[in-house]
N, C-alpha and C. Protein backbone atom coordinates (compact mmCIF):
# COMPACT_ATOMS: atom_id res chain seq x y z
N MET A 1 114.00 55.77 45.95
CA MET A 1 114.37 56.00 47.34
C MET A 1 114.09 57.44 47.72
N LYS A 2 114.32 58.35 46.82
CA LYS A 2 114.07 59.75 47.14
C LYS A 2 112.60 60.00 47.36
N THR A 3 111.77 59.35 46.55
CA THR A 3 110.32 59.53 46.70
C THR A 3 109.85 58.99 48.03
N LYS A 4 110.36 57.86 48.46
CA LYS A 4 109.98 57.27 49.75
C LYS A 4 110.40 58.16 50.88
N SER A 5 111.56 58.75 50.77
CA SER A 5 112.06 59.63 51.82
C SER A 5 111.16 60.85 51.97
N ARG A 6 110.74 61.42 50.87
CA ARG A 6 109.87 62.59 50.93
C ARG A 6 108.51 62.21 51.51
N THR A 7 108.02 61.04 51.16
CA THR A 7 106.72 60.60 51.66
C THR A 7 106.75 60.45 53.18
N VAL A 8 107.79 59.86 53.70
CA VAL A 8 107.93 59.69 55.16
C VAL A 8 107.98 61.04 55.83
N SER A 9 108.68 62.00 55.24
CA SER A 9 108.77 63.33 55.82
C SER A 9 107.41 63.99 55.86
N LEU A 10 106.61 63.82 54.84
CA LEU A 10 105.28 64.42 54.80
C LEU A 10 104.35 63.76 55.79
N ILE A 11 104.52 62.47 56.00
CA ILE A 11 103.63 61.75 56.92
C ILE A 11 103.94 62.09 58.36
N PHE A 12 105.20 62.08 58.72
CA PHE A 12 105.57 62.26 60.11
C PHE A 12 105.71 63.73 60.50
N GLY A 13 105.84 64.62 59.51
CA GLY A 13 105.95 66.03 59.85
C GLY A 13 104.77 66.54 60.65
N PRO A 14 103.53 66.38 60.20
CA PRO A 14 102.38 66.84 60.98
C PRO A 14 102.25 66.14 62.32
N LEU A 15 102.67 64.86 62.38
CA LEU A 15 102.58 64.14 63.66
C LEU A 15 103.50 64.76 64.69
N VAL A 16 104.70 65.13 64.25
CA VAL A 16 105.64 65.76 65.17
C VAL A 16 105.09 67.09 65.68
N ILE A 17 104.50 67.87 64.77
CA ILE A 17 103.91 69.14 65.17
C ILE A 17 102.76 68.90 66.14
N GLY A 18 101.96 67.87 65.89
CA GLY A 18 100.85 67.54 66.79
C GLY A 18 101.34 67.15 68.16
N LEU A 19 102.45 66.41 68.22
CA LEU A 19 103.00 66.01 69.52
C LEU A 19 103.46 67.22 70.31
N PHE A 20 104.09 68.19 69.64
CA PHE A 20 104.53 69.41 70.32
C PHE A 20 103.33 70.19 70.85
N ALA A 21 102.26 70.23 70.09
CA ALA A 21 101.07 70.95 70.52
C ALA A 21 100.44 70.27 71.73
N MET A 22 100.36 68.92 71.72
CA MET A 22 99.81 68.19 72.86
C MET A 22 100.65 68.40 74.10
N GLN A 23 101.97 68.43 73.95
CA GLN A 23 102.85 68.65 75.10
C GLN A 23 102.65 70.04 75.68
N ALA A 24 102.47 71.04 74.82
CA ALA A 24 102.25 72.40 75.30
C ALA A 24 100.93 72.51 76.04
N VAL A 25 99.88 71.86 75.51
CA VAL A 25 98.60 71.88 76.20
C VAL A 25 98.69 71.16 77.52
N GLY A 26 99.45 70.09 77.60
CA GLY A 26 99.58 69.34 78.84
C GLY A 26 100.25 70.14 79.94
N GLN A 27 101.04 71.15 79.59
CA GLN A 27 101.70 71.96 80.60
C GLN A 27 100.74 72.91 81.30
N CYS A 28 99.57 73.18 80.72
CA CYS A 28 98.58 74.08 81.32
C CYS A 28 97.76 73.29 82.33
N GLY A 29 98.28 73.10 83.54
CA GLY A 29 97.59 72.33 84.53
C GLY A 29 96.67 73.18 85.37
N GLU A 30 96.18 72.58 86.46
CA GLU A 30 95.32 73.30 87.37
C GLU A 30 96.12 74.36 88.12
N PRO A 31 95.49 75.48 88.45
CA PRO A 31 96.20 76.53 89.21
C PRO A 31 96.52 76.06 90.62
N PHE A 32 97.63 76.52 91.15
CA PHE A 32 98.04 76.13 92.50
C PHE A 32 98.27 77.39 93.32
N PRO A 33 98.19 77.29 94.65
CA PRO A 33 98.26 78.48 95.52
C PRO A 33 99.57 79.23 95.35
N TYR A 34 99.47 80.54 95.47
CA TYR A 34 100.62 81.43 95.37
C TYR A 34 100.56 82.44 96.51
N THR A 35 101.70 82.64 97.18
CA THR A 35 101.81 83.60 98.27
C THR A 35 102.74 84.73 97.83
N PRO A 36 102.24 85.95 97.67
CA PRO A 36 103.10 87.04 97.22
C PRO A 36 104.11 87.42 98.30
N PRO A 37 105.30 87.86 97.92
CA PRO A 37 106.31 88.29 98.90
C PRO A 37 105.93 89.63 99.50
N PRO A 38 106.44 89.95 100.68
CA PRO A 38 106.09 91.23 101.33
C PRO A 38 106.40 92.46 100.48
N ARG A 39 107.47 92.39 99.66
CA ARG A 39 107.84 93.55 98.87
C ARG A 39 106.79 93.89 97.81
N ASP A 40 105.93 92.94 97.47
CA ASP A 40 104.90 93.18 96.45
C ASP A 40 103.55 93.55 97.05
N VAL A 41 103.50 93.78 98.35
CA VAL A 41 102.24 94.10 99.02
C VAL A 41 102.36 95.45 99.71
N GLY A 42 101.44 96.35 99.42
CA GLY A 42 101.40 97.66 100.06
C GLY A 42 100.11 97.83 100.84
N ILE A 43 100.21 98.38 102.05
CA ILE A 43 99.04 98.56 102.92
C ILE A 43 99.02 100.00 103.41
N THR A 44 97.87 100.64 103.29
CA THR A 44 97.68 101.99 103.82
C THR A 44 96.34 102.04 104.55
N SER A 45 96.27 102.86 105.57
CA SER A 45 95.05 103.02 106.36
C SER A 45 94.59 104.46 106.26
N GLY A 46 93.29 104.66 106.45
CA GLY A 46 92.74 106.00 106.37
C GLY A 46 91.47 106.11 107.20
N ILE A 47 91.13 107.34 107.57
CA ILE A 47 89.93 107.62 108.36
C ILE A 47 89.11 108.65 107.60
N ASP A 48 87.86 108.30 107.30
CA ASP A 48 86.94 109.20 106.64
C ASP A 48 85.79 109.48 107.60
N GLY A 49 85.87 110.61 108.29
CA GLY A 49 84.89 110.89 109.33
C GLY A 49 85.13 109.99 110.52
N GLU A 50 84.21 109.08 110.79
CA GLU A 50 84.36 108.12 111.87
C GLU A 50 84.68 106.72 111.36
N SER A 51 84.65 106.51 110.06
CA SER A 51 84.87 105.19 109.47
C SER A 51 86.34 104.98 109.14
N VAL A 52 86.86 103.81 109.50
CA VAL A 52 88.26 103.45 109.26
C VAL A 52 88.31 102.43 108.13
N SER A 53 89.24 102.60 107.22
CA SER A 53 89.41 101.66 106.11
C SER A 53 90.88 101.37 105.90
N VAL A 54 91.16 100.20 105.35
CA VAL A 54 92.53 99.77 105.03
C VAL A 54 92.57 99.35 103.57
N SER A 55 93.50 99.92 102.81
CA SER A 55 93.66 99.59 101.39
C SER A 55 94.87 98.69 101.21
N VAL A 56 94.72 97.67 100.38
CA VAL A 56 95.80 96.71 100.09
C VAL A 56 95.99 96.64 98.58
N GLU A 57 97.24 96.76 98.15
CA GLU A 57 97.59 96.64 96.74
C GLU A 57 98.67 95.58 96.57
N VAL A 58 98.45 94.66 95.65
CA VAL A 58 99.37 93.54 95.42
C VAL A 58 99.82 93.56 93.97
N SER A 59 101.13 93.50 93.75
CA SER A 59 101.70 93.42 92.40
C SER A 59 101.95 91.96 92.05
N LEU A 60 101.42 91.54 90.92
CA LEU A 60 101.59 90.17 90.43
C LEU A 60 102.64 90.16 89.32
N PRO A 61 103.58 89.19 89.33
CA PRO A 61 104.72 89.21 88.39
C PRO A 61 104.34 89.22 86.92
N ASP A 62 103.35 88.40 86.52
CA ASP A 62 102.95 88.33 85.11
C ASP A 62 101.54 87.78 85.04
N THR A 63 101.10 87.46 83.81
CA THR A 63 99.72 87.04 83.61
C THR A 63 99.44 85.62 84.08
N CYS A 64 100.46 84.89 84.51
CA CYS A 64 100.23 83.55 85.06
C CYS A 64 99.75 83.59 86.51
N PHE A 65 99.76 84.78 87.12
CA PHE A 65 99.33 84.93 88.50
C PHE A 65 98.00 85.67 88.52
N SER A 66 97.10 85.26 89.43
CA SER A 66 95.77 85.86 89.46
C SER A 66 95.24 85.87 90.89
N LEU A 67 94.23 86.70 91.10
CA LEU A 67 93.56 86.81 92.39
C LEU A 67 92.40 85.85 92.45
N GLY A 68 92.29 85.14 93.57
CA GLY A 68 91.16 84.25 93.76
C GLY A 68 90.10 84.86 94.65
N ASN A 69 90.52 85.30 95.85
CA ASN A 69 89.58 85.85 96.83
C ASN A 69 90.33 86.77 97.77
N TRP A 70 89.77 87.96 98.03
CA TRP A 70 90.41 88.90 98.95
C TRP A 70 90.19 88.52 100.41
N GLY A 71 89.17 87.78 100.71
CA GLY A 71 88.87 87.43 102.09
C GLY A 71 88.20 88.57 102.84
N ARG A 72 87.70 88.27 104.03
CA ARG A 72 87.03 89.27 104.86
C ARG A 72 87.82 89.48 106.14
N PRO A 73 87.90 90.73 106.61
CA PRO A 73 88.66 90.99 107.84
C PRO A 73 87.95 90.40 109.06
N ARG A 74 88.74 89.76 109.91
CA ARG A 74 88.25 89.23 111.19
C ARG A 74 88.97 89.95 112.32
N ARG A 75 88.23 90.32 113.35
CA ARG A 75 88.81 91.11 114.43
C ARG A 75 89.07 90.23 115.65
N PHE A 76 90.27 90.40 116.22
CA PHE A 76 90.66 89.77 117.47
C PHE A 76 91.26 90.87 118.34
N ALA A 77 90.46 91.33 119.33
CA ALA A 77 90.86 92.45 120.18
C ALA A 77 91.13 93.67 119.28
N ASN A 78 92.36 94.19 119.28
CA ASN A 78 92.71 95.35 118.45
C ASN A 78 93.45 94.96 117.19
N SER A 79 93.32 93.71 116.77
CA SER A 79 93.98 93.22 115.57
C SER A 79 92.94 92.75 114.56
N TYR A 80 93.23 93.04 113.29
CA TYR A 80 92.40 92.57 112.18
C TYR A 80 93.23 91.65 111.30
N ILE A 81 92.65 90.51 110.92
CA ILE A 81 93.34 89.51 110.11
C ILE A 81 92.52 89.24 108.86
N VAL A 82 93.20 89.27 107.71
CA VAL A 82 92.59 88.96 106.42
C VAL A 82 93.40 87.86 105.76
N ASP A 83 92.73 86.86 105.23
CA ASP A 83 93.40 85.74 104.56
C ASP A 83 92.93 85.70 103.11
N ALA A 84 93.78 86.15 102.20
CA ALA A 84 93.44 86.21 100.78
C ALA A 84 93.95 84.96 100.06
N GLN A 85 93.50 84.79 98.82
CA GLN A 85 93.91 83.65 98.01
C GLN A 85 94.36 84.12 96.64
N PHE A 86 95.56 83.70 96.26
CA PHE A 86 96.11 83.99 94.94
C PHE A 86 96.52 82.68 94.29
N TYR A 87 96.56 82.69 92.95
CA TYR A 87 96.86 81.47 92.21
C TYR A 87 97.96 81.71 91.18
N GLU A 88 98.64 80.62 90.85
CA GLU A 88 99.65 80.62 89.80
C GLU A 88 99.39 79.44 88.88
N THR A 89 99.51 79.64 87.58
CA THR A 89 99.29 78.58 86.61
C THR A 89 100.53 78.40 85.74
N SER A 90 100.71 77.19 85.23
CA SER A 90 101.81 76.89 84.31
C SER A 90 101.27 76.99 82.89
N SER A 91 101.56 78.09 82.27
CA SER A 91 101.02 78.33 80.94
C SER A 91 101.93 79.32 80.21
N TYR A 92 101.54 79.70 79.00
CA TYR A 92 102.26 80.75 78.29
C TYR A 92 101.86 82.09 78.90
N CYS A 93 102.81 82.84 79.43
CA CYS A 93 102.52 84.05 80.19
C CYS A 93 103.10 85.27 79.49
N LEU A 94 102.42 86.37 79.67
CA LEU A 94 102.92 87.66 79.19
C LEU A 94 103.68 88.33 80.31
N CYS A 95 104.85 88.84 80.00
CA CYS A 95 105.69 89.50 81.02
C CYS A 95 105.16 90.90 81.31
N ILE A 96 103.99 90.95 81.91
CA ILE A 96 103.35 92.21 82.27
C ILE A 96 103.02 92.17 83.75
N VAL A 97 103.53 93.13 84.49
CA VAL A 97 103.25 93.20 85.92
C VAL A 97 101.82 93.71 86.12
N LEU A 98 101.03 92.93 86.82
CA LEU A 98 99.64 93.29 87.09
C LEU A 98 99.50 93.78 88.52
N SER A 99 98.63 94.74 88.73
CA SER A 99 98.39 95.29 90.06
C SER A 99 96.91 95.15 90.40
N VAL A 100 96.63 94.51 91.53
CA VAL A 100 95.25 94.36 92.00
C VAL A 100 95.16 95.01 93.38
N SER A 101 94.03 95.60 93.67
CA SER A 101 93.87 96.31 94.94
C SER A 101 92.44 96.18 95.43
N THR A 102 92.27 96.41 96.73
CA THR A 102 90.94 96.40 97.33
C THR A 102 90.96 97.30 98.56
N ASN A 103 89.78 97.59 99.06
CA ASN A 103 89.63 98.45 100.23
C ASN A 103 88.75 97.73 101.25
N TYR A 104 89.31 97.51 102.45
CA TYR A 104 88.56 96.87 103.53
C TYR A 104 87.98 97.95 104.44
N SER A 105 86.68 97.94 104.62
CA SER A 105 86.02 98.89 105.52
C SER A 105 85.91 98.26 106.90
N LEU A 106 86.54 98.89 107.90
CA LEU A 106 86.51 98.38 109.27
C LEU A 106 85.44 99.07 110.11
N GLY A 107 84.79 100.08 109.55
CA GLY A 107 83.74 100.77 110.26
C GLY A 107 84.28 101.69 111.34
N PRO A 108 83.40 102.27 112.16
CA PRO A 108 83.85 103.15 113.25
C PRO A 108 84.61 102.36 114.32
N LEU A 109 85.75 102.89 114.75
CA LEU A 109 86.55 102.25 115.79
C LEU A 109 86.81 103.23 116.93
N PRO A 110 86.83 102.76 118.15
CA PRO A 110 87.17 103.64 119.27
C PRO A 110 88.63 104.05 119.21
N PRO A 111 88.99 105.15 119.82
CA PRO A 111 90.39 105.59 119.80
C PRO A 111 91.33 104.52 120.36
N GLY A 112 92.49 104.40 119.75
CA GLY A 112 93.47 103.41 120.21
C GLY A 112 94.42 103.00 119.11
N ASN A 113 95.29 102.05 119.41
CA ASN A 113 96.26 101.51 118.47
C ASN A 113 95.79 100.16 117.95
N TYR A 114 95.94 99.95 116.65
CA TYR A 114 95.45 98.73 116.01
C TYR A 114 96.53 98.16 115.08
N SER A 115 96.32 96.92 114.67
CA SER A 115 97.22 96.28 113.71
C SER A 115 96.38 95.52 112.68
N PHE A 116 96.86 95.55 111.43
CA PHE A 116 96.18 94.88 110.32
C PHE A 116 97.15 93.85 109.75
N HIS A 117 96.74 92.58 109.76
CA HIS A 117 97.60 91.48 109.31
C HIS A 117 97.05 90.93 108.00
N PHE A 118 97.84 91.06 106.93
CA PHE A 118 97.44 90.55 105.62
C PHE A 118 98.10 89.20 105.40
N ARG A 119 97.27 88.19 105.19
CA ARG A 119 97.76 86.83 104.97
C ARG A 119 97.36 86.33 103.59
N ALA A 120 98.08 85.32 103.12
CA ALA A 120 97.75 84.62 101.88
C ALA A 120 97.89 83.13 102.14
N TRP A 121 96.78 82.42 102.04
CA TRP A 121 96.76 80.98 102.29
C TRP A 121 97.29 80.66 103.70
N GLY A 122 96.95 81.49 104.67
CA GLY A 122 97.33 81.23 106.05
C GLY A 122 98.70 81.74 106.44
N THR A 123 99.49 82.22 105.48
CA THR A 123 100.83 82.74 105.76
C THR A 123 100.78 84.26 105.88
N CYS A 124 101.29 84.78 106.98
CA CYS A 124 101.30 86.23 107.18
C CYS A 124 102.31 86.87 106.23
N VAL A 125 101.84 87.77 105.39
CA VAL A 125 102.69 88.41 104.39
C VAL A 125 103.18 89.77 104.89
N ARG A 126 102.25 90.56 105.43
CA ARG A 126 102.64 91.89 105.88
C ARG A 126 101.68 92.38 106.96
N THR A 127 102.23 93.18 107.90
CA THR A 127 101.45 93.74 108.99
C THR A 127 101.59 95.25 108.99
N GLN A 128 100.47 95.94 109.19
CA GLN A 128 100.46 97.40 109.21
C GLN A 128 99.85 97.87 110.53
N GLU A 129 100.61 98.70 111.25
CA GLU A 129 100.10 99.30 112.49
C GLU A 129 99.46 100.65 112.17
N PHE A 130 98.35 100.95 112.85
CA PHE A 130 97.72 102.25 112.67
C PHE A 130 97.01 102.65 113.95
N SER A 131 96.75 103.93 114.09
CA SER A 131 96.12 104.48 115.29
C SER A 131 94.87 105.26 114.90
N VAL A 132 93.90 105.19 115.78
CA VAL A 132 92.68 105.99 115.62
C VAL A 132 92.73 107.10 116.66
N PRO A 133 92.85 108.36 116.23
CA PRO A 133 92.94 109.46 117.20
C PRO A 133 91.64 109.65 117.94
N LEU A 134 91.74 110.35 119.06
CA LEU A 134 90.56 110.58 119.89
C LEU A 134 89.52 111.40 119.16
N SER A 135 89.96 112.40 118.44
CA SER A 135 89.03 113.25 117.70
C SER A 135 89.79 113.93 116.58
N ALA A 136 89.06 114.69 115.79
CA ALA A 136 89.70 115.46 114.72
C ALA A 136 90.36 116.69 115.33
N ALA A 137 90.91 117.52 114.48
CA ALA A 137 91.61 118.71 114.97
C ALA A 137 90.65 119.61 115.73
N ILE A 138 91.12 120.17 116.84
CA ILE A 138 90.35 121.12 117.63
C ILE A 138 91.04 122.46 117.52
N ARG A 139 90.38 123.42 116.92
CA ARG A 139 90.98 124.72 116.70
C ARG A 139 90.79 125.60 117.93
N ALA A 140 91.73 126.50 118.13
CA ALA A 140 91.69 127.36 119.31
C ALA A 140 90.50 128.29 119.26
N PRO A 141 89.79 128.43 120.34
CA PRO A 141 88.64 129.34 120.37
C PRO A 141 89.11 130.78 120.51
N GLN A 142 88.14 131.69 120.51
CA GLN A 142 88.44 133.10 120.66
C GLN A 142 88.97 133.41 122.06
N GLY A 143 88.44 132.76 123.08
CA GLY A 143 88.89 132.96 124.45
C GLY A 143 89.38 131.68 125.06
N ASP A 144 90.00 131.77 126.25
CA ASP A 144 90.49 130.59 126.93
C ASP A 144 89.32 129.66 127.26
N SER A 145 89.54 128.36 127.10
CA SER A 145 88.49 127.38 127.41
C SER A 145 89.14 126.03 127.67
N LYS A 146 88.30 125.03 127.88
CA LYS A 146 88.76 123.67 128.11
C LYS A 146 88.08 122.72 127.14
N VAL A 147 88.82 121.67 126.77
CA VAL A 147 88.28 120.63 125.91
C VAL A 147 88.00 119.40 126.77
N HIS A 148 86.79 118.89 126.70
CA HIS A 148 86.40 117.71 127.48
C HIS A 148 86.60 116.47 126.61
N LEU A 149 87.46 115.56 127.05
CA LEU A 149 87.84 114.38 126.27
C LEU A 149 87.45 113.12 127.03
N CYS A 150 86.81 112.17 126.34
CA CYS A 150 86.39 110.91 126.94
C CYS A 150 86.69 109.76 125.99
N TRP A 151 86.99 108.58 126.55
CA TRP A 151 87.19 107.37 125.75
C TRP A 151 86.88 106.14 126.60
N SER A 152 86.51 105.06 125.90
CA SER A 152 86.16 103.81 126.58
C SER A 152 87.43 103.02 126.90
N THR A 153 87.37 102.19 127.95
CA THR A 153 88.53 101.41 128.38
C THR A 153 88.16 99.94 128.58
N ALA A 154 89.19 99.12 128.61
CA ALA A 154 89.04 97.70 128.93
C ALA A 154 89.90 97.37 130.14
N GLN A 155 89.52 96.37 130.89
CA GLN A 155 90.25 96.03 132.12
C GLN A 155 91.63 95.45 131.86
N SER A 156 91.86 94.94 130.66
CA SER A 156 93.14 94.29 130.36
C SER A 156 94.14 95.22 129.69
N ALA A 157 93.88 96.51 129.66
CA ALA A 157 94.76 97.44 128.96
C ALA A 157 94.98 98.69 129.79
N CYS A 158 96.04 99.44 129.41
CA CYS A 158 96.35 100.73 130.02
C CYS A 158 96.33 101.79 128.93
N TYR A 159 95.98 103.01 129.31
CA TYR A 159 95.75 104.06 128.33
C TYR A 159 96.51 105.33 128.72
N ARG A 160 96.91 106.06 127.68
CA ARG A 160 97.57 107.35 127.88
C ARG A 160 97.09 108.31 126.81
N LEU A 161 96.62 109.48 127.24
CA LEU A 161 96.16 110.49 126.31
C LEU A 161 97.35 111.30 125.82
N GLU A 162 97.44 111.47 124.49
CA GLU A 162 98.55 112.20 123.87
C GLU A 162 98.00 113.29 122.95
N HIS A 163 98.82 114.29 122.68
CA HIS A 163 98.38 115.39 121.83
C HIS A 163 99.55 115.91 121.01
N CYS A 164 99.22 116.63 119.93
CA CYS A 164 100.21 117.29 119.08
C CYS A 164 99.51 118.41 118.33
N SER A 165 100.29 119.32 117.77
CA SER A 165 99.73 120.46 117.05
C SER A 165 99.69 120.25 115.54
N THR A 166 100.41 119.23 115.03
CA THR A 166 100.40 118.93 113.60
C THR A 166 100.64 117.44 113.40
N LEU A 167 100.10 116.89 112.31
CA LEU A 167 100.26 115.46 112.01
C LEU A 167 101.40 115.21 111.02
N ASP A 168 102.06 116.26 110.57
CA ASP A 168 103.12 116.10 109.58
C ASP A 168 104.33 115.36 110.15
N LYS A 169 104.70 115.66 111.39
CA LYS A 169 105.90 115.07 111.98
C LYS A 169 105.61 113.83 112.81
N ASN A 170 104.34 113.57 113.12
CA ASN A 170 103.96 112.41 113.93
C ASN A 170 104.70 112.39 115.27
N GLU A 171 104.75 113.58 115.91
CA GLU A 171 105.40 113.70 117.21
C GLU A 171 104.32 113.98 118.26
N TRP A 172 104.05 112.96 119.08
CA TRP A 172 103.00 113.05 120.08
C TRP A 172 103.60 113.21 121.47
N GLU A 173 102.99 114.08 122.26
CA GLU A 173 103.43 114.32 123.63
C GLU A 173 102.35 113.82 124.59
N PRO A 174 102.76 113.17 125.68
CA PRO A 174 101.77 112.66 126.64
C PRO A 174 101.05 113.79 127.36
N LEU A 175 99.75 113.65 127.47
CA LEU A 175 98.94 114.60 128.22
C LEU A 175 98.60 114.05 129.60
N THR A 176 98.60 112.72 129.72
CA THR A 176 98.38 112.04 131.00
C THR A 176 99.40 110.93 131.13
N GLY A 177 99.50 110.36 132.32
CA GLY A 177 100.30 109.15 132.50
C GLY A 177 99.51 107.93 132.08
N TRP A 178 100.13 106.75 132.23
CA TRP A 178 99.44 105.50 131.89
C TRP A 178 98.37 105.24 132.95
N ILE A 179 97.14 105.01 132.48
CA ILE A 179 96.00 104.81 133.37
C ILE A 179 95.46 103.41 133.13
N PRO A 180 95.39 102.54 134.16
CA PRO A 180 94.82 101.21 133.99
C PRO A 180 93.33 101.30 133.66
N GLY A 181 92.89 100.52 132.70
CA GLY A 181 91.48 100.50 132.34
C GLY A 181 90.66 99.73 133.36
N ASN A 182 89.38 100.10 133.46
CA ASN A 182 88.48 99.42 134.39
C ASN A 182 87.17 99.03 133.73
N GLY A 183 87.12 99.05 132.40
CA GLY A 183 85.90 98.70 131.70
C GLY A 183 84.91 99.84 131.60
N LYS A 184 85.26 100.99 132.13
CA LYS A 184 84.37 102.14 132.08
C LYS A 184 84.98 103.24 131.22
N GLN A 185 84.31 104.35 131.17
CA GLN A 185 84.77 105.47 130.35
C GLN A 185 85.63 106.42 131.18
N PHE A 186 86.75 106.86 130.58
CA PHE A 186 87.61 107.85 131.22
C PHE A 186 87.37 109.21 130.57
N CYS A 187 87.42 110.25 131.37
CA CYS A 187 87.26 111.62 130.88
C CYS A 187 88.29 112.52 131.53
N THR A 188 88.73 113.52 130.79
CA THR A 188 89.66 114.51 131.32
C THR A 188 89.48 115.81 130.55
N ASN A 189 90.05 116.87 131.06
CA ASN A 189 89.98 118.18 130.42
C ASN A 189 91.36 118.64 130.01
N ASP A 190 91.42 119.39 128.92
CA ASP A 190 92.67 119.99 128.46
C ASP A 190 92.42 121.46 128.21
N ALA A 191 93.25 122.29 128.81
CA ALA A 191 93.09 123.74 128.66
C ALA A 191 93.55 124.19 127.29
N VAL A 192 92.76 125.01 126.64
CA VAL A 192 93.09 125.56 125.32
C VAL A 192 93.10 127.07 125.45
N MET A 193 94.25 127.67 125.22
CA MET A 193 94.40 129.11 125.35
C MET A 193 94.05 129.83 124.05
N ALA A 194 93.63 131.06 124.17
CA ALA A 194 93.30 131.86 122.99
C ALA A 194 94.54 132.07 122.14
N GLY A 195 94.42 131.90 120.85
CA GLY A 195 95.54 132.07 119.94
C GLY A 195 96.43 130.85 119.83
N GLN A 196 96.14 129.79 120.56
CA GLN A 196 96.96 128.57 120.50
C GLN A 196 96.65 127.83 119.19
N PRO A 197 97.67 127.22 118.56
CA PRO A 197 97.41 126.48 117.31
C PRO A 197 96.45 125.33 117.53
N GLN A 198 95.95 124.78 116.44
CA GLN A 198 95.05 123.63 116.54
C GLN A 198 95.76 122.45 117.20
N LYS A 199 94.98 121.57 117.80
CA LYS A 199 95.55 120.42 118.51
C LYS A 199 94.86 119.15 118.05
N PHE A 200 95.65 118.08 118.02
CA PHE A 200 95.15 116.75 117.72
C PHE A 200 95.33 115.89 118.96
N TYR A 201 94.40 114.96 119.15
CA TYR A 201 94.47 114.08 120.31
C TYR A 201 94.37 112.62 119.85
N ARG A 202 95.04 111.76 120.59
CA ARG A 202 94.89 110.33 120.38
C ARG A 202 95.08 109.62 121.70
N VAL A 203 94.61 108.37 121.77
CA VAL A 203 94.75 107.55 122.97
C VAL A 203 95.69 106.39 122.65
N ALA A 204 96.81 106.31 123.33
CA ALA A 204 97.75 105.19 123.18
C ALA A 204 97.30 104.06 124.10
N VAL A 205 97.41 102.83 123.60
CA VAL A 205 96.96 101.65 124.36
C VAL A 205 98.09 100.65 124.44
N THR A 206 98.25 100.03 125.60
CA THR A 206 99.26 98.98 125.78
C THR A 206 98.74 97.96 126.77
N ASN A 207 99.20 96.73 126.59
CA ASN A 207 98.88 95.66 127.54
C ASN A 207 100.00 95.43 128.54
N THR A 208 101.15 96.04 128.29
CA THR A 208 102.31 95.90 129.18
C THR A 208 102.91 97.27 129.41
N LEU A 209 102.95 97.70 130.64
CA LEU A 209 103.53 99.00 130.95
C LEU A 209 105.05 98.93 130.84
N PRO A 210 105.69 99.97 130.31
CA PRO A 210 107.16 99.98 130.25
C PRO A 210 107.76 100.02 131.65
N ILE A 211 108.83 99.29 131.83
CA ILE A 211 109.50 99.23 133.12
C ILE A 211 110.43 100.42 133.25
N GLN A 212 110.26 101.19 134.27
CA GLN A 212 111.08 102.37 134.50
C GLN A 212 112.12 102.04 135.56
N ILE A 213 113.40 102.20 135.19
CA ILE A 213 114.50 101.90 136.09
C ILE A 213 114.92 103.23 136.75
N PRO A 214 114.84 103.34 138.05
CA PRO A 214 115.21 104.60 138.71
C PRO A 214 116.68 104.88 138.55
N ASP A 215 117.00 106.18 138.52
CA ASP A 215 118.39 106.58 138.42
C ASP A 215 119.14 106.23 139.71
N LYS A 216 120.41 105.84 139.54
CA LYS A 216 121.22 105.50 140.71
C LYS A 216 121.58 106.75 141.48
N GLU A 217 121.50 106.65 142.77
CA GLU A 217 121.86 107.80 143.60
C GLU A 217 123.35 108.01 143.60
N SER A 218 123.74 109.22 143.49
CA SER A 218 125.18 109.51 143.48
C SER A 218 125.74 109.34 144.89
N PRO A 219 126.92 108.80 145.04
CA PRO A 219 127.49 108.58 146.36
C PRO A 219 127.76 109.90 147.07
N ASP A 220 127.61 109.90 148.39
CA ASP A 220 127.85 111.12 149.18
C ASP A 220 129.34 111.44 149.21
């Protein structure tokens, strides 16, 4: 009886191990779509000369997650939309956080406000707003002079020229009021005094003008 018991153990032992191996292999199915959460997606924009680019970095939880396709940016008015593809697989995974990144080149853009929408499988994950200034820094000349500023407009938008002396605080002051676009180019001058610090310019764009409520008159 003891010999028979040992024989059965030797026969069925490898079979049991084989069944476990087949079950483990069966768990490695086809990859399925994965949408990263907003906290794992970082977006930054930058301007190199006249070219605008947007960088996207995505953190993946472990080695079971992978990048399929970054997609190409599509423009709708002042908005750019990218639809990327990520995958998740059911397999043995290493608990290592992976980071993948890419850089989207948007090319030269006219001054104005823009938005970049990063999607995954059609779901909007994160949106980044950015502005293209009218020009680079303009340093004060030796004598008093004027700066000639021009930008293109559209009939469905309103524009306001703004300026500041430094980009560290991101504090812009209006140089003009809101001007309705007419599809043509707008131009204006700004006086630059001798010894004045450098100035930055940008054009703010809106499709809806803010409603201004007049102050109530004090009773006589």
